[in-house]
Amino acid sequence: QVQLVESGGGLVQAGDSLRLSCAASGGTFTRFSMGWFRQAPGKERDFVASTPWNGGSTDYADSVKGRFTISRDNALNTVYLQMNSLKPEDTAIYYCATKKFFPSRLSNEYDYWGRGTQVTVSS
């Protein structure tokens, strides 16, 4: 059973940066693609970024491209989301998720999810 635990959320001002972490356990991390999603109150869970299991190209939602960077440290079984130039519209609960093999932008294709970490950006 794969377990994912997110951390690093918080309350920041517009223009600030945060780095989220997602620690994985209970599986072969190097075989999993990892994704970050977010859900704002009253809205659906949206794709943010993904990184494949094989070290290939990362993928980003248009709304975060150029501001957010996803990375992974397979030695630590951890995936990160560096968020720069944060905006109030980035306020949401951020979730990491994992699936075998190739990543996806579709949340229903991911097998395991963390409980999320709250990010709040004030204007």
N, C-alpha and C. Protein backbone atom coordinates (compact mmCIF):
# COMPACT_ATOMS: atom_id res chain seq x y z
N GLN A 1 0.84 -1.19 0.00
CA GLN A 1 0.00 0.00 0.00
C GLN A 1 0.89 1.25 0.00
N VAL A 2 0.71 2.07 -1.00
CA VAL A 2 1.51 3.29 -1.10
C VAL A 2 0.89 4.37 -0.22
N GLN A 3 1.72 5.06 0.52
CA GLN A 3 1.26 6.18 1.33
C GLN A 3 2.00 7.44 0.90
N LEU A 4 1.25 8.52 0.82
CA LEU A 4 1.81 9.81 0.42
C LEU A 4 1.49 10.85 1.49
N VAL A 5 2.48 11.62 1.86
CA VAL A 5 2.29 12.65 2.88
C VAL A 5 2.85 13.96 2.37
N GLU A 6 1.96 14.94 2.22
CA GLU A 6 2.37 16.26 1.76
C GLU A 6 2.74 17.15 2.94
N SER A 7 3.60 18.10 2.67
CA SER A 7 3.97 19.10 3.68
C SER A 7 4.46 20.36 2.98
N GLY A 8 4.57 21.44 3.75
CA GLY A 8 5.13 22.67 3.20
C GLY A 8 4.14 23.77 2.89
N GLY A 9 2.84 23.49 3.06
CA GLY A 9 1.87 24.52 2.80
C GLY A 9 1.90 25.61 3.86
N GLY A 10 1.14 26.66 3.61
CA GLY A 10 1.09 27.74 4.58
C GLY A 10 0.39 28.97 4.03
N LEU A 11 0.45 30.03 4.81
CA LEU A 11 -0.13 31.32 4.43
C LEU A 11 1.00 32.25 4.02
N VAL A 12 0.93 32.74 2.79
CA VAL A 12 1.94 33.64 2.27
C VAL A 12 1.27 34.81 1.57
N GLN A 13 2.08 35.80 1.22
CA GLN A 13 1.57 36.95 0.48
C GLN A 13 1.82 36.76 -1.01
N ALA A 14 1.06 37.47 -1.80
CA ALA A 14 1.25 37.42 -3.24
C ALA A 14 2.69 37.79 -3.58
N GLY A 15 3.28 37.02 -4.48
CA GLY A 15 4.66 37.22 -4.88
C GLY A 15 5.66 36.38 -4.14
N ASP A 16 5.23 35.78 -3.03
CA ASP A 16 6.11 34.92 -2.25
C ASP A 16 6.28 33.55 -2.89
N SER A 17 7.13 32.76 -2.27
CA SER A 17 7.40 31.39 -2.74
C SER A 17 7.13 30.39 -1.64
N LEU A 18 6.82 29.18 -2.04
CA LEU A 18 6.68 28.03 -1.14
C LEU A 18 7.21 26.80 -1.86
N ARG A 19 7.71 25.86 -1.07
CA ARG A 19 8.07 24.57 -1.64
C ARG A 19 7.29 23.48 -0.91
N LEU A 20 6.50 22.77 -1.67
CA LEU A 20 5.76 21.63 -1.15
C LEU A 20 6.58 20.36 -1.33
N SER A 21 6.42 19.46 -0.38
CA SER A 21 7.08 18.15 -0.46
C SER A 21 6.02 17.07 -0.35
N CYS A 22 6.30 15.96 -0.96
CA CYS A 22 5.42 14.79 -0.87
C CYS A 22 6.31 13.57 -0.69
N ALA A 23 6.24 12.98 0.49
CA ALA A 23 7.04 11.81 0.81
C ALA A 23 6.23 10.55 0.57
N ALA A 24 6.81 9.62 -0.17
CA ALA A 24 6.13 8.38 -0.51
C ALA A 24 6.74 7.20 0.24
N SER A 25 5.90 6.25 0.58
CA SER A 25 6.37 5.03 1.22
C SER A 25 5.47 3.87 0.80
N GLY A 26 6.00 2.67 0.94
CA GLY A 26 5.19 1.49 0.69
C GLY A 26 5.17 1.01 -0.75
N GLY A 27 6.04 1.56 -1.59
CA GLY A 27 6.07 1.10 -2.96
C GLY A 27 7.41 1.37 -3.60
N THR A 28 7.56 0.98 -4.84
CA THR A 28 8.79 1.23 -5.57
C THR A 28 8.68 2.58 -6.24
N PHE A 29 9.21 3.58 -5.57
CA PHE A 29 9.01 4.97 -5.99
C PHE A 29 9.49 5.22 -7.40
N THR A 30 10.55 4.56 -7.78
CA THR A 30 11.13 4.83 -9.09
C THR A 30 10.25 4.34 -10.23
N ARG A 31 9.24 3.53 -9.92
CA ARG A 31 8.34 3.06 -10.97
C ARG A 31 7.07 3.90 -11.08
N PHE A 32 6.95 4.91 -10.23
CA PHE A 32 5.73 5.69 -10.19
C PHE A 32 5.92 7.05 -10.83
N SER A 33 4.95 7.44 -11.63
CA SER A 33 4.86 8.83 -12.02
C SER A 33 4.14 9.59 -10.91
N MET A 34 4.51 10.83 -10.73
CA MET A 34 3.95 11.62 -9.64
C MET A 34 3.26 12.86 -10.20
N GLY A 35 2.17 13.21 -9.59
CA GLY A 35 1.45 14.41 -10.00
C GLY A 35 1.07 15.27 -8.82
N TRP A 36 0.96 16.56 -9.08
CA TRP A 36 0.41 17.50 -8.12
C TRP A 36 -0.91 18.03 -8.67
N PHE A 37 -1.91 18.06 -7.82
CA PHE A 37 -3.22 18.60 -8.16
C PHE A 37 -3.60 19.60 -7.08
N ARG A 38 -4.59 20.42 -7.37
CA ARG A 38 -5.07 21.35 -6.35
C ARG A 38 -6.57 21.51 -6.48
N GLN A 39 -7.16 21.83 -5.33
CA GLN A 39 -8.61 22.01 -5.29
C GLN A 39 -8.94 23.22 -4.44
N ALA A 40 -9.55 24.20 -5.06
CA ALA A 40 -10.01 25.40 -4.36
C ALA A 40 -11.44 25.16 -3.88
N PRO A 41 -11.89 25.90 -2.88
CA PRO A 41 -13.25 25.70 -2.36
C PRO A 41 -14.29 25.85 -3.45
N GLY A 42 -15.17 24.86 -3.52
CA GLY A 42 -16.26 24.90 -4.49
C GLY A 42 -15.87 24.59 -5.92
N LYS A 43 -14.62 24.18 -6.10
CA LYS A 43 -14.15 23.88 -7.46
C LYS A 43 -13.67 22.44 -7.56
N GLU A 44 -13.49 22.00 -8.79
CA GLU A 44 -13.00 20.65 -9.02
C GLU A 44 -11.49 20.58 -8.76
N ARG A 45 -11.01 19.37 -8.60
CA ARG A 45 -9.58 19.15 -8.43
C ARG A 45 -8.90 19.28 -9.79
N ASP A 46 -7.93 20.17 -9.87
CA ASP A 46 -7.28 20.48 -11.12
C ASP A 46 -5.84 20.00 -11.15
N PHE A 47 -5.41 19.62 -12.31
CA PHE A 47 -4.02 19.24 -12.54
C PHE A 47 -3.11 20.46 -12.39
N VAL A 48 -1.95 20.25 -11.76
CA VAL A 48 -0.97 21.31 -11.62
C VAL A 48 0.32 20.95 -12.36
N ALA A 49 0.88 19.78 -12.05
CA ALA A 49 2.16 19.39 -12.64
C ALA A 49 2.36 17.89 -12.47
N SER A 50 3.21 17.33 -13.32
CA SER A 50 3.54 15.92 -13.19
C SER A 50 4.97 15.67 -13.62
N THR A 51 5.51 14.58 -13.09
CA THR A 51 6.85 14.15 -13.47
C THR A 51 6.80 12.65 -13.69
N PRO A 52 7.38 12.17 -14.78
CA PRO A 52 7.27 10.74 -15.09
C PRO A 52 8.24 9.89 -14.28
N TRP A 53 7.99 8.58 -14.31
CA TRP A 53 8.81 7.66 -13.54
C TRP A 53 10.20 7.52 -14.12
N ASN A 54 10.32 7.80 -15.42
CA ASN A 54 11.57 7.47 -16.10
C ASN A 54 12.47 8.69 -16.32
N GLY A 55 12.20 9.79 -15.62
CA GLY A 55 13.05 10.96 -15.76
C GLY A 55 12.81 11.74 -17.03
N GLY A 56 11.69 11.53 -17.68
CA GLY A 56 11.37 12.24 -18.90
C GLY A 56 10.84 13.64 -18.64
N SER A 57 10.14 14.18 -19.62
CA SER A 57 9.70 15.57 -19.55
C SER A 57 8.61 15.77 -18.50
N THR A 58 8.70 16.89 -17.81
CA THR A 58 7.65 17.28 -16.87
C THR A 58 6.53 17.99 -17.64
N ASP A 59 5.40 18.12 -16.97
CA ASP A 59 4.23 18.73 -17.59
C ASP A 59 3.60 19.69 -16.59
N TYR A 60 3.09 20.82 -17.10
CA TYR A 60 2.51 21.83 -16.22
C TYR A 60 1.20 22.35 -16.80
N ALA A 61 0.31 22.69 -15.90
CA ALA A 61 -0.88 23.43 -16.31
C ALA A 61 -0.45 24.82 -16.79
N ASP A 62 -1.17 25.34 -17.74
CA ASP A 62 -0.83 26.66 -18.28
C ASP A 62 -0.81 27.74 -17.20
N SER A 63 -1.68 27.58 -16.21
CA SER A 63 -1.81 28.60 -15.18
C SER A 63 -0.58 28.70 -14.27
N VAL A 64 0.26 27.66 -14.26
CA VAL A 64 1.43 27.68 -13.38
C VAL A 64 2.74 27.61 -14.14
N LYS A 65 2.67 27.44 -15.43
CA LYS A 65 3.89 27.29 -16.24
C LYS A 65 4.76 28.53 -16.10
N GLY A 66 6.03 28.30 -15.85
CA GLY A 66 6.96 29.41 -15.66
C GLY A 66 7.08 29.88 -14.23
N ARG A 67 6.15 29.46 -13.37
CA ARG A 67 6.18 29.86 -11.95
C ARG A 67 6.45 28.66 -11.03
N PHE A 68 5.94 27.50 -11.39
CA PHE A 68 6.06 26.30 -10.57
C PHE A 68 7.04 25.33 -11.22
N THR A 69 7.74 24.59 -10.38
CA THR A 69 8.67 23.57 -10.86
C THR A 69 8.48 22.30 -10.05
N ILE A 70 8.25 21.20 -10.75
CA ILE A 70 8.14 19.89 -10.09
C ILE A 70 9.48 19.18 -10.24
N SER A 71 9.88 18.50 -9.17
CA SER A 71 11.11 17.72 -9.22
C SER A 71 10.96 16.53 -8.29
N ARG A 72 11.85 15.58 -8.42
CA ARG A 72 11.77 14.40 -7.58
C ARG A 72 13.17 13.97 -7.18
N ASP A 73 13.25 13.41 -6.00
CA ASP A 73 14.49 12.84 -5.48
C ASP A 73 14.21 11.38 -5.19
N ASN A 74 14.59 10.52 -6.09
CA ASN A 74 14.27 9.10 -5.94
C ASN A 74 14.99 8.47 -4.74
N ALA A 75 16.11 9.02 -4.37
CA ALA A 75 16.83 8.49 -3.21
C ALA A 75 16.06 8.74 -1.92
N LEU A 76 15.27 9.81 -1.91
CA LEU A 76 14.49 10.16 -0.73
C LEU A 76 13.02 9.81 -0.88
N ASN A 77 12.65 9.23 -2.02
CA ASN A 77 11.24 8.91 -2.30
C ASN A 77 10.34 10.13 -2.11
N THR A 78 10.81 11.24 -2.62
CA THR A 78 10.11 12.50 -2.40
C THR A 78 9.97 13.27 -3.72
N VAL A 79 8.82 13.89 -3.88
CA VAL A 79 8.60 14.79 -5.01
C VAL A 79 8.31 16.18 -4.44
N TYR A 80 8.77 17.19 -5.15
CA TYR A 80 8.65 18.57 -4.68
C TYR A 80 7.87 19.40 -5.69
N LEU A 81 7.28 20.45 -5.18
CA LEU A 81 6.66 21.46 -6.04
C LEU A 81 7.14 22.83 -5.55
N GLN A 82 8.06 23.41 -6.30
CA GLN A 82 8.54 24.75 -5.99
C GLN A 82 7.59 25.75 -6.63
N MET A 83 7.02 26.62 -5.81
CA MET A 83 6.02 27.57 -6.29
C MET A 83 6.55 28.98 -6.06
N ASN A 84 6.78 29.68 -7.14
CA ASN A 84 7.26 31.05 -7.09
C ASN A 84 6.20 32.01 -7.60
N SER A 85 6.37 33.27 -7.27
CA SER A 85 5.45 34.32 -7.75
C SER A 85 4.01 33.93 -7.50
N LEU A 86 3.73 33.52 -6.28
CA LEU A 86 2.38 33.03 -5.95
C LEU A 86 1.35 34.13 -6.09
N LYS A 87 0.16 33.72 -6.51
CA LYS A 87 -0.96 34.62 -6.71
C LYS A 87 -2.13 34.19 -5.82
N PRO A 88 -3.03 35.09 -5.51
CA PRO A 88 -4.20 34.69 -4.71
C PRO A 88 -4.98 33.54 -5.34
N GLU A 89 -5.01 33.48 -6.66
CA GLU A 89 -5.74 32.39 -7.32
C GLU A 89 -5.05 31.04 -7.20
N ASP A 90 -3.86 31.01 -6.64
CA ASP A 90 -3.19 29.74 -6.35
C ASP A 90 -3.67 29.13 -5.03
N THR A 91 -4.49 29.86 -4.30
CA THR A 91 -5.01 29.36 -3.02
C THR A 91 -5.84 28.10 -3.23
N ALA A 92 -5.46 27.04 -2.55
CA ALA A 92 -6.13 25.74 -2.71
C ALA A 92 -5.49 24.74 -1.76
N ILE A 93 -6.11 23.59 -1.68
CA ILE A 93 -5.47 22.43 -1.06
C ILE A 93 -4.70 21.72 -2.17
N TYR A 94 -3.44 21.46 -1.91
CA TYR A 94 -2.58 20.81 -2.88
C TYR A 94 -2.38 19.34 -2.51
N TYR A 95 -2.60 18.49 -3.49
CA TYR A 95 -2.49 17.05 -3.30
C TYR A 95 -1.41 16.48 -4.21
N CYS A 96 -0.67 15.52 -3.69
CA CYS A 96 0.18 14.75 -4.58
C CYS A 96 -0.48 13.39 -4.80
N ALA A 97 -0.15 12.80 -5.92
CA ALA A 97 -0.75 11.53 -6.30
C ALA A 97 0.26 10.74 -7.12
N THR A 98 0.04 9.45 -7.20
CA THR A 98 0.96 8.61 -7.92
C THR A 98 0.22 7.58 -8.77
N LYS A 99 0.83 7.21 -9.86
CA LYS A 99 0.31 6.17 -10.73
C LYS A 99 1.50 5.48 -11.36
N LYS A 100 1.27 4.25 -11.80
CA LYS A 100 2.34 3.50 -12.44
C LYS A 100 2.60 4.05 -13.84
N PHE A 101 3.84 3.93 -14.22
CA PHE A 101 4.28 4.25 -15.58
C PHE A 101 4.04 5.71 -15.92
N PHE A 102 3.34 5.99 -17.00
CA PHE A 102 3.32 7.33 -17.54
C PHE A 102 2.35 8.25 -16.80
N PRO A 103 2.73 9.52 -16.65
CA PRO A 103 1.85 10.46 -15.93
C PRO A 103 0.65 10.85 -16.76
N SER A 104 -0.25 11.55 -16.12
CA SER A 104 -1.49 11.97 -16.77
C SER A 104 -1.95 13.27 -16.15
N ARG A 105 -2.79 13.99 -16.87
CA ARG A 105 -3.43 15.19 -16.33
C ARG A 105 -4.79 14.86 -15.72
N LEU A 106 -5.21 13.62 -15.82
CA LEU A 106 -6.52 13.22 -15.35
C LEU A 106 -6.41 12.64 -13.95
N SER A 107 -7.11 13.25 -13.01
CA SER A 107 -7.00 12.81 -11.62
C SER A 107 -7.52 11.39 -11.42
N ASN A 108 -8.49 10.98 -12.22
CA ASN A 108 -9.07 9.65 -12.01
C ASN A 108 -8.14 8.54 -12.49
N GLU A 109 -7.04 8.87 -13.08
CA GLU A 109 -6.07 7.86 -13.51
C GLU A 109 -5.00 7.60 -12.44
N TYR A 110 -5.02 8.35 -11.39
CA TYR A 110 -4.03 8.17 -10.33
C TYR A 110 -4.56 7.20 -9.28
N ASP A 111 -3.64 6.41 -8.75
CA ASP A 111 -4.04 5.31 -7.87
C ASP A 111 -4.03 5.68 -6.39
N TYR A 112 -3.06 6.48 -6.00
CA TYR A 112 -2.90 6.80 -4.58
C TYR A 112 -2.78 8.31 -4.41
N TRP A 113 -3.34 8.78 -3.30
CA TRP A 113 -3.39 10.21 -3.02
C TRP A 113 -2.95 10.50 -1.60
N GLY A 114 -2.34 11.65 -1.41
CA GLY A 114 -2.11 12.14 -0.07
C GLY A 114 -3.33 12.88 0.44
N ARG A 115 -3.24 13.37 1.68
CA ARG A 115 -4.37 14.07 2.28
C ARG A 115 -4.38 15.55 1.96
N GLY A 116 -3.31 16.04 1.40
CA GLY A 116 -3.29 17.43 0.97
C GLY A 116 -2.65 18.37 1.97
N THR A 117 -2.22 19.52 1.46
CA THR A 117 -1.67 20.58 2.30
C THR A 117 -2.23 21.91 1.80
N GLN A 118 -2.66 22.74 2.74
CA GLN A 118 -3.31 23.99 2.39
C GLN A 118 -2.30 25.07 2.03
N VAL A 119 -2.55 25.71 0.91
CA VAL A 119 -1.77 26.88 0.50
C VAL A 119 -2.73 28.05 0.39
N THR A 120 -2.44 29.10 1.11
CA THR A 120 -3.27 30.30 1.07
C THR A 120 -2.39 31.50 0.72
N VAL A 121 -2.78 32.21 -0.33
CA VAL A 121 -2.02 33.35 -0.80
C VAL A 121 -2.88 34.61 -0.63
N SER A 122 -2.42 35.52 0.18
CA SER A 122 -3.17 36.75 0.41
C SER A 122 -2.70 37.84 -0.55
N SER A 123 -3.62 38.73 -0.87
CA SER A 123 -3.29 39.80 -1.82
C SER A 123 -2.71 41.02 -1.12
